[in-house]
PDB file of N, CA and C in Angstrom:
ATOM      1  N   MET A   1      -6.090  -8.332   2.505  1.00  0.00           N
ATOM      2  CA  MET A   1      -5.705  -9.095   3.890  1.00  0.00           C
ATOM      3  C   MET A   1      -6.342  -8.821   4.878  1.00  0.00           C
ATOM      4  N   ALA A   2      -6.850 -10.080   5.653  1.00  0.00           N
ATOM      5  CA  ALA A   2      -7.961 -10.077   6.931  1.00  0.00           C
ATOM      6  C   ALA A   2      -7.095  -9.782   7.857  1.00  0.00           C
ATOM      7  N   ALA A   3      -7.812  -8.879   8.566  1.00  0.00           N
ATOM      8  CA  ALA A   3      -7.246  -8.207   9.937  1.00  0.00           C
ATOM      9  C   ALA A   3      -6.676  -9.219  10.436  1.00  0.00           C
ATOM     10  N   SER A   4      -7.555 -10.756  10.744  1.00  0.00           N
ATOM     11  CA  SER A   4      -7.525 -11.567  11.329  1.00  0.00           C
ATOM     12  C   SER A   4      -5.926 -12.235  11.314  1.00  0.00           C
ATOM     13  N   THR A   5      -5.056 -11.752  10.259  1.00  0.00           N
ATOM     14  CA  THR A   5      -4.079 -12.529   9.920  1.00  0.00           C
ATOM     15  C   THR A   5      -2.852 -11.838  10.660  1.00  0.00           C
ATOM     16  N   PHE A   6      -3.229 -10.516  11.135  1.00  0.00           N
ATOM     17  CA  PHE A   6      -2.018  -9.910  11.779  1.00  0.00           C
ATOM     18  C   PHE A   6      -1.934  -9.822  13.401  1.00  0.00           C
ATOM     19  N   ASN A   7      -1.061  -9.943  14.028  1.00  0.00           N
ATOM     20  CA  ASN A   7      -0.833  -9.861  15.387  1.00  0.00           C
ATOM     21  C   ASN A   7      -1.472  -8.638  15.996  1.00  0.00           C
ATOM     22  N   LEU A   8      -2.460  -8.471  16.528  1.00  0.00           N
ATOM     23  CA  LEU A   8      -2.923  -7.099  16.983  1.00  0.00           C
ATOM     24  C   LEU A   8      -2.524  -6.792  18.377  1.00  0.00           C
ATOM     25  N   ASN A   9      -1.937  -8.008  19.100  1.00  0.00           N
ATOM     26  CA  ASN A   9      -1.057  -7.519  20.284  1.00  0.00           C
ATOM     27  C   ASN A   9      -0.076  -6.690  20.226  1.00  0.00           C
ATOM     28  N   ALA A  10       0.475  -6.859  18.841  1.00  0.00           N
ATOM     29  CA  ALA A  10       1.907  -5.842  18.976  1.00  0.00           C
ATOM     30  C   ALA A  10       1.382  -4.356  19.071  1.00  0.00           C
ATOM     31  N   PRO A  11       2.165  -3.549  19.159  1.00  0.00           N
ATOM     32  CA  PRO A  11       2.152  -1.998  19.554  1.00  0.00           C
ATOM     33  C   PRO A  11       1.559  -1.457  18.012  1.00  0.00           C
ATOM     34  N   ARG A  12       0.831  -0.907  17.912  1.00  0.00           N
ATOM     35  CA  ARG A  12      -0.068  -0.427  16.831  1.00  0.00           C
ATOM     36  C   ARG A  12       1.083   0.859  16.338  1.00  0.00           C
ATOM     37  N   GLY A  13       1.553   1.512  16.926  1.00  0.00           N
ATOM     38  CA  GLY A  13       2.654   2.694  16.831  1.00  0.00           C
ATOM     39  C   GLY A  13       3.861   1.847  15.826  1.00  0.00           C
ATOM     40  N   LEU A  14       4.259   0.803  16.229  1.00  0.00           N
ATOM     41  CA  LEU A  14       5.146  -0.201  15.454  1.00  0.00           C
ATOM     42  C   LEU A  14       4.737  -0.496  14.249  1.00  0.00           C
ATOM     43  N   LEU A  15       3.680  -0.824  13.932  1.00  0.00           N
ATOM     44  CA  LEU A  15       2.895  -1.264  12.930  1.00  0.00           C
ATOM     45  C   LEU A  15       2.772   0.139  11.681  1.00  0.00           C
ATOM     46  N   TYR A  16       2.090   0.896  12.337  1.00  0.00           N
ATOM     47  CA  TYR A  16       2.033   2.301  11.731  1.00  0.00           C
ATOM     48  C   TYR A  16       3.444   2.895  11.325  1.00  0.00           C
ATOM     49  N   ASP A  17       4.219   2.805  12.146  1.00  0.00           N
ATOM     50  CA  ASP A  17       5.923   3.251  11.408  1.00  0.00           C
ATOM     51  C   ASP A  17       6.391   2.391  10.377  1.00  0.00           C
ATOM     52  N   ALA A  18       6.120   0.974  10.752  1.00  0.00           N
ATOM     53  CA  ALA A  18       6.493   0.268   9.457  1.00  0.00           C
ATOM     54  C   ALA A  18       5.646   0.361   8.297  1.00  0.00           C
ATOM     55  N   ILE A  19       4.295   0.726   8.245  1.00  0.00           N
ATOM     56  CA  ILE A  19       3.681   0.875   7.311  1.00  0.00           C
ATOM     57  C   ILE A  19       4.396   2.195   6.372  1.00  0.00           C
ATOM     58  N   MET A  20       4.181   3.420   7.469  1.00  0.00           N
ATOM     59  CA  MET A  20       4.944   4.875   6.623  1.00  0.00           C
ATOM     60  C   MET A  20       6.132   4.769   6.072  1.00  0.00           C
ATOM     61  N   ASN A  21       7.029   3.768   7.367  1.00  0.00           N
ATOM     62  CA  ASN A  21       8.465   3.635   6.428  1.00  0.00           C
ATOM     63  C   ASN A  21       8.689   3.082   4.869  1.00  0.00           C
ATOM     64  N   GLU A  22       7.840   1.983   4.801  1.00  0.00           N
ATOM     65  CA  GLU A  22       7.952   1.171   3.454  1.00  0.00           C
ATOM     66  C   GLU A  22       7.150   2.351   2.443  1.00  0.00           C
ATOM     67  N   ILE A  23       5.973   3.100   2.702  1.00  0.00           N
ATOM     68  CA  ILE A  23       5.561   3.721   1.397  1.00  0.00           C
ATOM     69  C   ILE A  23       6.463   4.872   1.313  1.00  0.00           C
ATOM     70  N   ARG A  24       7.018   5.415   2.273  1.00  0.00           N
ATOM     71  CA  ARG A  24       8.012   6.713   2.240  1.00  0.00           C
ATOM     72  C   ARG A  24       9.400   6.175   1.298  1.00  0.00           C
ATOM     73  N   SER A  25       9.616   5.033   1.664  1.00  0.00           N
ATOM     74  CA  SER A  25      10.765   4.717   0.913  1.00  0.00           C
ATOM     75  C   SER A  25      10.521   4.472  -0.669  1.00  0.00           C
ATOM     76  N   TRP A  26       9.054   4.341  -1.416  1.00  0.00           N
ATOM     77  CA  TRP A  26       9.005   4.403  -2.801  1.00  0.00           C
ATOM     78  C   TRP A  26       9.122   5.490  -3.616  1.00  0.00           C
ATOM     79  N   ALA A  27       9.181   5.402  -4.884  1.00  0.00           N
ATOM     80  CA  ALA A  27       9.332   6.546  -5.687  1.00  0.00           C
ATOM     81  C   ALA A  27       7.936   7.207  -5.562  1.00  0.00           C
ATOM     82  N   ASP A  28       7.696   8.584  -6.372  1.00  0.00           N
ATOM     83  CA  ASP A  28       6.589   9.407  -6.257  1.00  0.00           C
ATOM     84  C   ASP A  28       5.308   8.926  -6.718  1.00  0.00           C
ATOM     85  N   LEU A  29       5.612   8.301  -7.909  1.00  0.00           N
ATOM     86  CA  LEU A  29       4.587   7.680  -8.640  1.00  0.00           C
ATOM     87  C   LEU A  29       3.499   6.774  -7.866  1.00  0.00           C
ATOM     88  N   PRO A  30       4.352   5.297  -7.532  1.00  0.00           N
ATOM     89  CA  PRO A  30       4.001   4.554  -6.589  1.00  0.00           C
ATOM     90  C   PRO A  30       3.314   5.017  -5.360  1.00  0.00           C
ATOM     91  N   ARG A  31       3.984   5.923  -4.840  1.00  0.00           N
ATOM     92  CA  ARG A  31       3.377   6.212  -3.419  1.00  0.00           C
ATOM     93  C   ARG A  31       2.159   7.061  -3.841  1.00  0.00           C
ATOM     94  N   ARG A  32       2.191   7.883  -4.675  1.00  0.00           N
ATOM     95  CA  ARG A  32       0.872   8.698  -4.870  1.00  0.00           C
ATOM     96  C   ARG A  32      -0.280   7.736  -5.084  1.00  0.00           C
ATOM     97  N   VAL A  33      -0.023   6.787  -6.167  1.00  0.00           N
ATOM     98  CA  VAL A  33      -0.876   5.652  -6.721  1.00  0.00           C
ATOM     99  C   VAL A  33      -1.518   4.904  -5.693  1.00  0.00           C
ATOM    100  N   PHE A  34      -0.675   4.288  -4.860  1.00  0.00           N
ATOM    101  CA  PHE A  34      -1.011   3.822  -3.320  1.00  0.00           C
ATOM    102  C   PHE A  34      -1.938   4.756  -2.462  1.00  0.00           C
ATOM    103  N   THR A  35      -1.387   5.649  -2.241  1.00  0.00           N
ATOM    104  CA  THR A  35      -2.095   6.312  -0.995  1.00  0.00           C
ATOM    105  C   THR A  35      -3.586   7.170  -1.777  1.00  0.00           C
ATOM    106  N   GLN A  36      -3.578   7.373  -3.058  1.00  0.00           N
ATOM    107  CA  GLN A  36      -4.743   7.589  -3.531  1.00  0.00           C
ATOM    108  C   GLN A  36      -5.711   6.420  -3.712  1.00  0.00           C
ATOM    109  N   ALA A  37      -5.445   5.443  -3.887  1.00  0.00           N
ATOM    110  CA  ALA A  37      -6.207   4.007  -3.703  1.00  0.00           C
ATOM    111  C   ALA A  37      -6.802   4.122  -2.457  1.00  0.00           C
ATOM    112  N   HIS A  38      -5.884   3.772  -1.411  1.00  0.00           N
ATOM    113  CA  HIS A  38      -6.005   3.268  -0.236  1.00  0.00           C
ATOM    114  C   HIS A  38      -6.484   4.409   0.713  1.00  0.00           C
ATOM    115  N   TYR A  39      -6.025   5.715   0.697  1.00  0.00           N
ATOM    116  CA  TYR A  39      -6.556   6.608   1.649  1.00  0.00           C
ATOM    117  C   TYR A  39      -7.490   7.787   1.027  1.00  0.00           C
ATOM    118  N   ALA A  40      -7.544   8.015  -0.090  1.00  0.00           N
ATOM    119  CA  ALA A  40      -8.503   8.773  -0.874  1.00  0.00           C
ATOM    120  C   ALA A  40      -9.603   8.107  -1.353  1.00  0.00           C
ATOM    121  N   GLY A  41      -9.422   6.622  -1.439  1.00  0.00           N
ATOM    122  CA  GLY A  41     -10.592   6.022  -1.861  1.00  0.00           C
ATOM    123  C   GLY A  41     -10.923   6.070  -3.578  1.00  0.00           C
ATOM    124  N   LYS A  42      -9.713   6.396  -4.216  1.00  0.00           N
ATOM    125  CA  LYS A  42     -10.165   6.479  -5.527  1.00  0.00           C
ATOM    126  C   LYS A  42      -9.696   5.118  -6.397  1.00  0.00           C
ATOM    127  N   SER A  43     -10.785   5.289  -7.369  1.00  0.00           N
ATOM    128  CA  SER A  43     -10.989   4.104  -8.259  1.00  0.00           C
ATOM    129  C   SER A  43      -9.320   4.015  -9.023  1.00  0.00           C
ATOM    130  N   VAL A  44      -9.054   2.998  -9.672  1.00  0.00           N
ATOM    131  CA  VAL A  44      -7.997   2.832 -10.599  1.00  0.00           C
ATOM    132  C   VAL A  44      -7.869   3.728 -11.715  1.00  0.00           C
ATOM    133  N   GLU A  45      -9.185   3.873 -12.400  1.00  0.00           N
ATOM    134  CA  GLU A  45      -9.619   4.523 -13.492  1.00  0.00           C
ATOM    135  C   GLU A  45      -9.237   6.045 -13.137  1.00  0.00           C
ATOM    136  N   GLU A  46      -9.679   6.355 -12.108  1.00  0.00           N
ATOM    137  CA  GLU A  46      -9.503   7.978 -11.506  1.00  0.00           C
ATOM    138  C   GLU A  46      -8.380   8.579 -11.413  1.00  0.00           C
ATOM    139  N   ILE A  47      -7.499   7.486 -10.695  1.00  0.00           N
ATOM    140  CA  ILE A  47      -6.117   7.825 -10.439  1.00  0.00           C
ATOM    141  C   ILE A  47      -5.444   7.592 -11.905  1.00  0.00           C
ATOM    142  N   ALA A  48      -5.866   6.819 -13.001  1.00  0.00           N
ATOM    143  CA  ALA A  48      -4.959   6.808 -14.162  1.00  0.00           C
ATOM    144  C   ALA A  48      -5.313   8.087 -15.098  1.00  0.00           C
ATOM    145  N   ALA A  49      -6.634   8.796 -15.045  1.00  0.00           N
ATOM    146  CA  ALA A  49      -6.941   9.667 -15.527  1.00  0.00           C
ATOM    147  C   ALA A  49      -6.051  11.221 -14.926  1.00  0.00           C
ATOM    148  N   GLN A  50      -5.998  11.177 -13.835  1.00  0.00           N
ATOM    149  CA  GLN A  50      -5.344  12.077 -13.226  1.00  0.00           C
ATOM    150  C   GLN A  50      -4.016  12.303 -13.437  1.00  0.00           C
ATOM    151  N   SER A  51      -3.359  11.122 -13.443  1.00  0.00           N
ATOM    152  CA  SER A  51      -1.749  10.967 -13.448  1.00  0.00           C
ATOM    153  C   SER A  51      -1.591  10.855 -14.900  1.00  0.00           C
ATOM    154  N   GLY A  52      -2.341  10.541 -16.001  1.00  0.00           N
ATOM    155  CA  GLY A  52      -1.872  10.429 -17.335  1.00  0.00           C
ATOM    156  C   GLY A  52      -1.219   8.953 -18.016  1.00  0.00           C
ATOM    157  N   TYR A  53      -1.454   7.956 -16.957  1.00  0.00           N
ATOM    158  CA  TYR A  53      -1.162   6.586 -17.135  1.00  0.00           C
ATOM    159  C   TYR A  53      -2.231   5.878 -17.396  1.00  0.00           C
ATOM    160  N   GLY A  54      -2.180   4.779 -17.715  1.00  0.00           N
ATOM    161  CA  GLY A  54      -3.042   4.000 -18.342  1.00  0.00           C
ATOM    162  C   GLY A  54      -3.839   3.154 -17.286  1.00  0.00           C
ATOM    163  N   ALA A  55      -5.069   2.742 -17.360  1.00  0.00           N
ATOM    164  CA  ALA A  55      -5.640   1.744 -16.338  1.00  0.00           C
ATOM    165  C   ALA A  55      -4.578   0.789 -15.515  1.00  0.00           C
ATOM    166  N   ARG A  56      -4.542   0.257 -17.292  1.00  0.00           N
ATOM    167  CA  ARG A  56      -3.540  -1.320 -16.774  1.00  0.00           C
ATOM    168  C   ARG A  56      -2.361  -0.825 -15.750  1.00  0.00           C
ATOM    169  N   GLU A  57      -1.324   0.017 -16.260  1.00  0.00           N
ATOM    170  CA  GLU A  57      -0.220   0.326 -15.661  1.00  0.00           C
ATOM    171  C   GLU A  57      -0.247   0.927 -14.155  1.00  0.00           C
ATOM    172  N   VAL A  58      -1.381   1.747 -13.920  1.00  0.00           N
ATOM    173  CA  VAL A  58      -1.741   1.813 -12.624  1.00  0.00           C
ATOM    174  C   VAL A  58      -2.182   0.899 -11.766  1.00  0.00           C
ATOM    175  N   SER A  59      -3.117  -0.309 -12.155  1.00  0.00           N
ATOM    176  CA  SER A  59      -3.290  -1.050 -11.563  1.00  0.00           C
ATOM    177  C   SER A  59      -1.910  -2.219 -11.106  1.00  0.00           C
ATOM    178  N   GLN A  60      -1.264  -2.217 -12.345  1.00  0.00           N
ATOM    179  CA  GLN A  60      -0.109  -2.977 -12.241  1.00  0.00           C
ATOM    180  C   GLN A  60       1.304  -2.369 -10.871  1.00  0.00           C
ATOM    181  N   ILE A  61       0.965  -0.877 -10.928  1.00  0.00           N
ATOM    182  CA  ILE A  61       1.748  -0.416  -9.892  1.00  0.00           C
ATOM    183  C   ILE A  61       1.015  -0.537  -8.560  1.00  0.00           C
ATOM    184  N   LEU A  62      -0.210  -0.567  -8.348  1.00  0.00           N
ATOM    185  CA  LEU A  62      -0.977  -0.694  -7.328  1.00  0.00           C
ATOM    186  C   LEU A  62      -0.512  -2.383  -6.837  1.00  0.00           C
ATOM    187  N   GLU A  63      -0.805  -3.296  -7.566  1.00  0.00           N
ATOM    188  CA  GLU A  63      -0.327  -4.576  -7.045  1.00  0.00           C
ATOM    189  C   GLU A  63       1.016  -4.848  -6.773  1.00  0.00           C
ATOM    190  N   THR A  64       1.795  -4.373  -7.420  1.00  0.00           N
ATOM    191  CA  THR A  64       3.363  -4.572  -6.991  1.00  0.00           C
ATOM    192  C   THR A  64       3.484  -3.854  -5.838  1.00  0.00           C
ATOM    193  N   HIS A  65       3.157  -2.931  -5.455  1.00  0.00           N
ATOM    194  CA  HIS A  65       3.582  -2.125  -4.199  1.00  0.00           C
ATOM    195  C   HIS A  65       2.312  -2.495  -3.243  1.00  0.00           C
ATOM    196  N   GLU A  66       1.238  -3.303  -3.343  1.00  0.00           N
ATOM    197  CA  GLU A  66       0.566  -3.587  -2.278  1.00  0.00           C
ATOM    198  C   GLU A  66       1.608  -5.124  -1.385  1.00  0.00           C
ATOM    199  N   ARG A  67       2.100  -6.011  -2.573  1.00  0.00           N
ATOM    200  CA  ARG A  67       2.851  -7.071  -2.396  1.00  0.00           C
ATOM    201  C   ARG A  67       4.053  -6.571  -1.485  1.00  0.00           C
ATOM    202  N   LYS A  68       4.710  -5.337  -2.147  1.00  0.00           N
ATOM    203  CA  LYS A  68       5.837  -5.091  -1.403  1.00  0.00           C
ATOM    204  C   LYS A  68       5.523  -4.327   0.051  1.00  0.00           C
ATOM    205  N   LEU A  69       4.249  -4.147   0.412  1.00  0.00           N
ATOM    206  CA  LEU A  69       4.058  -3.743   1.630  1.00  0.00           C
ATOM    207  C   LEU A  69       3.551  -4.672   2.531  1.00  0.00           C
ATOM    208  N   ARG A  70       2.932  -5.646   2.092  1.00  0.00           N
ATOM    209  CA  ARG A  70       2.549  -7.093   2.817  1.00  0.00           C
ATOM    210  C   ARG A  70       4.011  -8.143   2.979  1.00  0.00           C
ATOM    211  N   LYS A  71       4.848  -7.764   2.083  1.00  0.00           N
ATOM    212  CA  LYS A  71       6.393  -8.251   2.407  1.00  0.00           C
ATOM    213  C   LYS A  71       6.998  -7.832   3.714  1.00  0.00           C
ATOM    214  N   SER A  72       6.932  -6.502   3.639  1.00  0.00           N
ATOM    215  CA  SER A  72       7.760  -5.733   4.738  1.00  0.00           C
ATOM    216  C   SER A  72       7.147  -5.951   6.016  1.00  0.00           C
ATOM    217  N   LEU A  73       5.933  -6.301   5.939  1.00  0.00           N
ATOM    218  CA  LEU A  73       5.015  -6.206   7.418  1.00  0.00           C
ATOM    219  C   LEU A  73       4.936  -7.647   7.686  1.00  0.00           C
ATOM    220  N   ARG A  74       5.653  -8.446   6.990  1.00  0.00           N
ATOM    221  CA  ARG A  74       5.490 -10.311   7.521  1.00  0.00           C
ATOM    222  C   ARG A  74       5.735 -10.279   9.004  1.00  0.00           C
ATOM    223  N   THR A  75       6.938  -9.505   9.629  1.00  0.00           N
ATOM    224  CA  THR A  75       7.224  -9.666  10.801  1.00  0.00           C
ATOM    225  C   THR A  75       5.757  -9.560  11.942  1.00  0.00           C
ATOM    226  N   PHE A  76       4.582  -8.496  11.490  1.00  0.00           N
ATOM    227  CA  PHE A  76       3.584  -8.431  12.292  1.00  0.00           C
ATOM    228  C   PHE A  76       2.768  -9.247  12.070  1.00  0.00           C
ATOM    229  N   ARG A  77       2.720 -10.323  11.165  1.00  0.00           N
ATOM    230  CA  ARG A  77       1.770 -11.500  10.865  1.00  0.00           C
ATOM    231  C   ARG A  77       1.778 -12.595  11.829  1.00  0.00           C
ATOM    232  N   ILE A  78       0.813 -13.254  12.416  1.00  0.00           N
ATOM    233  CA  ILE A  78       0.890 -14.387  12.845  1.00  0.00           C
ATOM    234  C   ILE A  78       1.281 -15.461  12.306  1.00  0.00           C
ATOM    235  N   ARG A  79       1.935 -16.272  12.821  1.00  0.00           N
ATOM    236  CA  ARG A  79       2.278 -17.537  12.272  1.00  0.00           C
ATOM    237  C   ARG A  79       1.842 -18.725  12.609  1.00  0.00           C
TER     238      ARG A  79
END
């Protein structure tokens, strides 16, 4: 997602809270996959090796939950 697609005039605290609430609502595995990829900078292969799941499954979890997050944040998008 490009930064320019978001309403940067919205209070950042509200955006942060929305992101955290969405991520907290996920089951443990998707939450760990997402946070390791986006906050720890780990590759799909690294996450797969650490989690015991295949890279394809990790990639699918990541893609699915990135879509869920984007959908949950649509109220912050500029129309």
